[in-house]
Amino acid sequence: MLCPCLSLKKKHVRRAVADGASTVAKVYRLNGKKARCGKCARKIKKLIEKYS
């Protein structure tokens, strides 16, 4: 689990990037989530770069 606060997994980030997300905020939005603690933001950013 990438983000236990939001139940966000890598597959959710991959799908969001495929749908056009290029920022952490867009990944959250496309998954219907809002940032909570922000601990996962750095991991999500790295995955955006990897999947872009």
N, C-alpha and C. Protein backbone atom coordinates (compact mmCIF):
# COMPACT_ATOMS: atom_id res chain seq x y z
N MET A 1 0.85 -1.17 0.00
CA MET A 1 0.00 0.00 0.00
C MET A 1 0.89 1.24 0.00
N LEU A 2 0.68 2.06 -0.96
CA LEU A 2 1.47 3.28 -1.11
C LEU A 2 1.09 4.31 -0.05
N CYS A 3 -0.19 4.45 0.20
CA CYS A 3 -0.66 5.44 1.17
C CYS A 3 -1.79 4.84 2.01
N PRO A 4 -1.47 4.40 3.21
CA PRO A 4 -2.51 3.80 4.05
C PRO A 4 -3.59 4.80 4.49
N CYS A 5 -3.26 6.08 4.58
CA CYS A 5 -4.25 7.10 4.96
C CYS A 5 -5.40 7.16 3.95
N LEU A 6 -5.04 7.03 2.68
CA LEU A 6 -6.02 7.21 1.59
C LEU A 6 -6.35 5.90 0.87
N SER A 7 -5.79 4.79 1.31
CA SER A 7 -5.97 3.50 0.63
C SER A 7 -5.56 3.61 -0.83
N LEU A 8 -4.46 4.28 -1.07
CA LEU A 8 -3.96 4.51 -2.42
C LEU A 8 -2.84 3.52 -2.73
N LYS A 9 -2.96 2.88 -3.88
CA LYS A 9 -1.96 1.89 -4.29
C LYS A 9 -1.25 2.37 -5.55
N LYS A 10 -0.15 1.71 -5.87
CA LYS A 10 0.61 2.07 -7.08
C LYS A 10 -0.25 2.00 -8.32
N LYS A 11 -1.13 1.02 -8.39
CA LYS A 11 -1.98 0.89 -9.58
C LYS A 11 -2.88 2.11 -9.76
N HIS A 12 -3.27 2.75 -8.66
CA HIS A 12 -4.09 3.95 -8.75
C HIS A 12 -3.29 5.11 -9.34
N VAL A 13 -2.02 5.21 -8.95
CA VAL A 13 -1.15 6.25 -9.50
C VAL A 13 -0.91 5.99 -10.98
N ARG A 14 -0.62 4.75 -11.32
CA ARG A 14 -0.37 4.39 -12.72
C ARG A 14 -1.58 4.73 -13.59
N ARG A 15 -2.78 4.42 -13.12
CA ARG A 15 -4.00 4.72 -13.86
C ARG A 15 -4.20 6.22 -14.00
N ALA A 16 -3.94 6.98 -12.94
CA ALA A 16 -4.09 8.43 -12.98
C ALA A 16 -3.12 9.06 -13.98
N VAL A 17 -1.88 8.57 -14.01
CA VAL A 17 -0.90 9.08 -14.96
C VAL A 17 -1.35 8.76 -16.38
N ALA A 18 -1.87 7.57 -16.58
CA ALA A 18 -2.38 7.20 -17.91
C ALA A 18 -3.54 8.10 -18.32
N ASP A 19 -4.28 8.60 -17.33
CA ASP A 19 -5.41 9.50 -17.60
C ASP A 19 -5.00 10.96 -17.65
N GLY A 20 -3.68 11.23 -17.57
CA GLY A 20 -3.19 12.59 -17.76
C GLY A 20 -2.66 13.30 -16.53
N ALA A 21 -2.64 12.66 -15.38
CA ALA A 21 -2.13 13.32 -14.18
C ALA A 21 -0.62 13.55 -14.30
N SER A 22 -0.20 14.76 -13.99
CA SER A 22 1.22 15.09 -14.04
C SER A 22 1.71 15.69 -12.72
N THR A 23 0.80 15.80 -11.75
CA THR A 23 1.16 16.31 -10.44
C THR A 23 0.51 15.43 -9.37
N VAL A 24 1.04 15.54 -8.17
CA VAL A 24 0.49 14.78 -7.04
C VAL A 24 -0.96 15.18 -6.81
N ALA A 25 -1.24 16.46 -6.88
CA ALA A 25 -2.62 16.94 -6.67
C ALA A 25 -3.59 16.33 -7.69
N LYS A 26 -3.15 16.19 -8.93
CA LYS A 26 -4.02 15.60 -9.96
C LYS A 26 -4.22 14.12 -9.71
N VAL A 27 -3.19 13.44 -9.21
CA VAL A 27 -3.34 12.02 -8.86
C VAL A 27 -4.40 11.88 -7.77
N TYR A 28 -4.30 12.72 -6.75
CA TYR A 28 -5.32 12.70 -5.69
C TYR A 28 -6.71 12.94 -6.27
N ARG A 29 -6.83 13.99 -7.08
CA ARG A 29 -8.13 14.38 -7.63
C ARG A 29 -8.73 13.27 -8.50
N LEU A 30 -7.92 12.69 -9.38
CA LEU A 30 -8.43 11.64 -10.27
C LEU A 30 -8.83 10.38 -9.52
N ASN A 31 -8.33 10.23 -8.31
CA ASN A 31 -8.70 9.08 -7.49
C ASN A 31 -9.75 9.43 -6.44
N GLY A 32 -10.27 10.66 -6.51
CA GLY A 32 -11.30 11.08 -5.58
C GLY A 32 -10.80 11.23 -4.15
N LYS A 33 -9.54 11.60 -4.00
CA LYS A 33 -8.92 11.72 -2.67
C LYS A 33 -8.47 13.15 -2.43
N LYS A 34 -8.24 13.46 -1.17
CA LYS A 34 -7.64 14.73 -0.77
C LYS A 34 -6.46 14.42 0.13
N ALA A 35 -5.42 15.21 0.01
CA ALA A 35 -4.20 14.98 0.81
C ALA A 35 -4.54 15.06 2.30
N ARG A 36 -3.95 14.17 3.05
CA ARG A 36 -4.11 14.21 4.50
C ARG A 36 -2.79 14.59 5.14
N CYS A 37 -1.96 13.61 5.41
CA CYS A 37 -0.70 13.91 6.11
C CYS A 37 0.41 14.32 5.15
N GLY A 38 0.33 13.90 3.88
CA GLY A 38 1.32 14.28 2.88
C GLY A 38 2.57 13.42 2.85
N LYS A 39 2.64 12.41 3.69
CA LYS A 39 3.83 11.55 3.72
C LYS A 39 4.04 10.79 2.41
N CYS A 40 2.99 10.51 1.70
CA CYS A 40 3.12 9.73 0.47
C CYS A 40 3.41 10.60 -0.76
N ALA A 41 3.35 11.90 -0.63
CA ALA A 41 3.50 12.79 -1.79
C ALA A 41 4.81 12.57 -2.54
N ARG A 42 5.90 12.38 -1.82
CA ARG A 42 7.20 12.18 -2.47
C ARG A 42 7.20 10.86 -3.26
N LYS A 43 6.61 9.83 -2.69
CA LYS A 43 6.53 8.54 -3.39
C LYS A 43 5.67 8.66 -4.64
N ILE A 44 4.57 9.37 -4.52
CA ILE A 44 3.68 9.56 -5.67
C ILE A 44 4.40 10.33 -6.77
N LYS A 45 5.14 11.36 -6.40
CA LYS A 45 5.88 12.15 -7.39
C LYS A 45 6.87 11.28 -8.15
N LYS A 46 7.58 10.40 -7.44
CA LYS A 46 8.53 9.50 -8.10
C LYS A 46 7.81 8.55 -9.05
N LEU A 47 6.64 8.07 -8.66
CA LEU A 47 5.89 7.18 -9.54
C LEU A 47 5.37 7.92 -10.76
N ILE A 48 4.98 9.17 -10.61
CA ILE A 48 4.56 9.97 -11.76
C ILE A 48 5.70 10.05 -12.77
N GLU A 49 6.90 10.32 -12.27
CA GLU A 49 8.07 10.38 -13.16
C GLU A 49 8.34 9.05 -13.82
N LYS A 50 8.18 7.97 -13.07
CA LYS A 50 8.44 6.63 -13.60
C LYS A 50 7.42 6.25 -14.69
N TYR A 51 6.16 6.56 -14.46
CA TYR A 51 5.11 6.13 -15.39
C TYR A 51 4.86 7.11 -16.52
N SER A 52 5.46 8.29 -16.47
CA SER A 52 5.25 9.28 -17.53
C SER A 52 6.09 8.97 -18.75
